[in-house]
Amino acid sequence: MEDEDISLKLIKMKKMRTLMSQLAKSRETPPPDEKSAAEPDPVEELKKHVSERGDEVLAAALSENPGLVRKVSAALLKALREGRVEEPIDAGDLLVLFRRLGLKVQVESRVMVHRKGETKDLRKALEERWQAG
């Protein structure tokens, strides 16, 4: 009689353990990488509201710390919708924001020369001038 009680208790304990593990799995939230199709990426949305080189700044910051950049992008989008931030967001201001948040964002600098209606990279303009002179 006692053997049956022990075996019944073991069966009940196994069943309880499986039910508890199923409950724990159902309560888990999906990781942030697994987003639903209805929820757009805040970084991609923000790219529509930044100035000329803002997408380069976002890409560089995203490679540095994707989680922080997504949170900042969501906050900036919210501020845009509420009218607290003017559109378009300047790339320089965005770069300063990320640097103040501790990201070491590096964006390639280019010096352009505008002469006789043409805009050229400084290196190319100097090479042409050297060859012509």
Protein backbone atom coordinates (compact mmCIF):
# COMPACT_ATOMS: atom_id res chain seq x y z
CA MET A 1 0.00 0.00 0.00
CA GLU A 2 2.81 2.35 0.89
CA ASP A 3 4.62 1.57 -2.37
CA GLU A 4 1.59 2.73 -4.32
CA ASP A 5 1.47 5.98 -2.33
CA ILE A 6 5.13 6.68 -3.05
CA SER A 7 4.79 5.91 -6.75
CA LEU A 8 1.66 8.08 -6.94
CA LYS A 9 3.48 10.93 -5.24
CA LEU A 10 6.40 10.58 -7.69
CA ILE A 11 4.02 10.69 -10.65
CA LYS A 12 2.26 13.75 -9.23
CA MET A 13 5.61 15.48 -8.62
CA LYS A 14 6.76 14.80 -12.21
CA LYS A 15 3.47 16.10 -13.57
CA MET A 16 3.71 19.20 -11.33
CA ARG A 17 7.29 19.84 -12.50
CA THR A 18 6.31 19.69 -16.19
CA LEU A 19 3.33 21.98 -15.60
CA MET A 20 5.52 24.49 -13.76
CA SER A 21 8.11 24.49 -16.54
CA GLN A 22 5.36 25.06 -19.13
CA LEU A 23 4.01 27.94 -17.07
CA ALA A 24 7.46 29.49 -16.80
CA LYS A 25 7.96 29.22 -20.57
CA SER A 26 4.60 30.85 -21.28
CA ARG A 27 5.45 33.79 -18.99
CA GLU A 28 8.77 34.47 -20.70
CA THR A 29 8.78 37.46 -23.04
CA PRO A 30 10.32 37.05 -26.46
CA PRO A 31 13.82 38.51 -26.87
CA PRO A 32 14.01 42.04 -28.32
CA ASP A 33 15.40 40.69 -31.62
CA GLU A 34 12.19 38.75 -32.27
CA LYS A 35 9.80 41.61 -33.01
CA SER A 36 6.41 41.30 -34.53
CA ALA A 37 5.96 42.45 -38.11
CA ALA A 38 3.51 45.15 -36.99
CA GLU A 39 6.14 46.88 -34.83
CA PRO A 40 8.55 48.92 -37.02
CA ASP A 41 12.21 49.34 -36.10
CA PRO A 42 12.63 52.76 -34.40
CA VAL A 43 16.04 53.29 -36.02
CA GLU A 44 14.60 52.83 -39.52
CA GLU A 45 11.73 55.20 -38.66
CA LEU A 46 14.15 57.81 -37.31
CA LYS A 47 16.23 57.69 -40.51
CA LYS A 48 13.28 59.36 -42.25
CA HIS A 49 13.55 62.35 -39.90
CA VAL A 50 17.29 63.10 -39.91
CA SER A 51 19.32 65.44 -42.10
CA GLU A 52 21.79 64.49 -44.84
CA ARG A 53 24.37 62.40 -42.97
CA GLY A 54 22.14 61.40 -40.07
CA ASP A 55 21.74 57.89 -41.42
CA GLU A 56 25.55 57.47 -41.30
CA VAL A 57 25.59 58.61 -37.67
CA LEU A 58 22.77 56.18 -36.81
CA ALA A 59 24.54 53.30 -38.56
CA ALA A 60 27.83 54.01 -36.76
CA ALA A 61 26.07 54.29 -33.38
CA LEU A 62 24.06 51.14 -34.07
CA SER A 63 27.24 49.15 -34.60
CA GLU A 64 28.56 50.47 -31.26
CA ASN A 65 25.51 49.75 -29.04
CA PRO A 66 22.30 48.57 -30.78
CA GLY A 67 20.16 48.41 -27.63
CA LEU A 68 20.87 51.98 -26.55
CA VAL A 69 20.45 53.34 -30.08
CA ARG A 70 17.01 51.71 -30.40
CA LYS A 71 15.91 53.20 -27.08
CA VAL A 72 17.20 56.67 -28.02
CA SER A 73 15.55 56.39 -31.45
CA ALA A 74 12.21 55.49 -29.87
CA ALA A 75 12.50 58.45 -27.48
CA LEU A 76 13.37 60.84 -30.31
CA LEU A 77 10.43 59.58 -32.39
CA LYS A 78 8.12 60.18 -29.44
CA ALA A 79 9.52 63.70 -29.01
CA LEU A 80 9.01 64.35 -32.74
CA ARG A 81 5.38 63.24 -32.57
CA GLU A 82 4.75 65.45 -29.55
CA GLY A 83 6.39 68.45 -31.25
CA ARG A 84 9.20 68.82 -28.71
CA VAL A 85 11.91 68.27 -31.36
CA GLU A 86 12.02 70.00 -34.73
CA GLU A 87 12.39 68.06 -37.93
CA PRO A 88 14.84 67.28 -39.54
CA ILE A 89 17.21 66.27 -36.76
CA ASP A 90 20.70 67.54 -37.58
CA ALA A 91 23.37 64.85 -37.96
CA GLY A 92 25.80 66.86 -35.82
CA ASP A 93 23.30 67.16 -32.98
CA LEU A 94 22.63 63.44 -33.19
CA LEU A 95 26.36 62.72 -33.05
CA VAL A 96 26.77 64.95 -29.98
CA LEU A 97 23.81 63.23 -28.29
CA PHE A 98 25.29 59.77 -28.78
CA ARG A 99 28.72 60.91 -27.61
CA ARG A 100 27.21 62.45 -24.46
CA LEU A 101 25.52 59.12 -23.80
CA GLY A 102 28.96 57.48 -23.83
CA LEU A 103 29.10 56.01 -27.33
CA LYS A 104 32.36 56.44 -29.23
CA VAL A 105 30.71 57.09 -32.58
CA GLN A 106 33.18 57.68 -35.42
CA VAL A 107 31.91 59.15 -38.69
CA GLU A 108 34.20 59.65 -41.67
CA SER A 109 34.89 63.33 -42.30
CA ARG A 110 35.04 64.76 -45.79
CA VAL A 111 36.18 68.19 -46.92
CA MET A 112 34.50 69.33 -50.10
CA VAL A 113 35.55 72.18 -52.40
CA HIS A 114 33.04 74.15 -54.45
CA ARG A 115 34.61 75.88 -57.45
CA LYS A 116 33.15 76.95 -60.79
CA GLY A 117 29.81 75.31 -60.08
CA GLU A 118 31.37 71.94 -59.20
CA THR A 119 31.63 70.30 -55.81
CA LYS A 120 34.58 67.94 -55.41
CA ASP A 121 36.42 66.15 -52.66
CA LEU A 122 39.44 68.18 -51.51
CA ARG A 123 41.87 65.40 -52.43
CA LYS A 124 40.49 65.17 -55.97
CA ALA A 125 40.56 68.96 -56.39
CA LEU A 126 44.19 69.15 -55.26
CA GLU A 127 45.21 66.30 -57.58
CA GLU A 128 43.59 68.03 -60.55
CA ARG A 129 45.24 71.32 -59.66
CA TRP A 130 48.63 69.62 -59.30
CA GLN A 131 48.32 67.88 -62.67
CA ALA A 132 47.16 71.07 -64.41
CA GLY A 133 49.91 73.26 -62.84
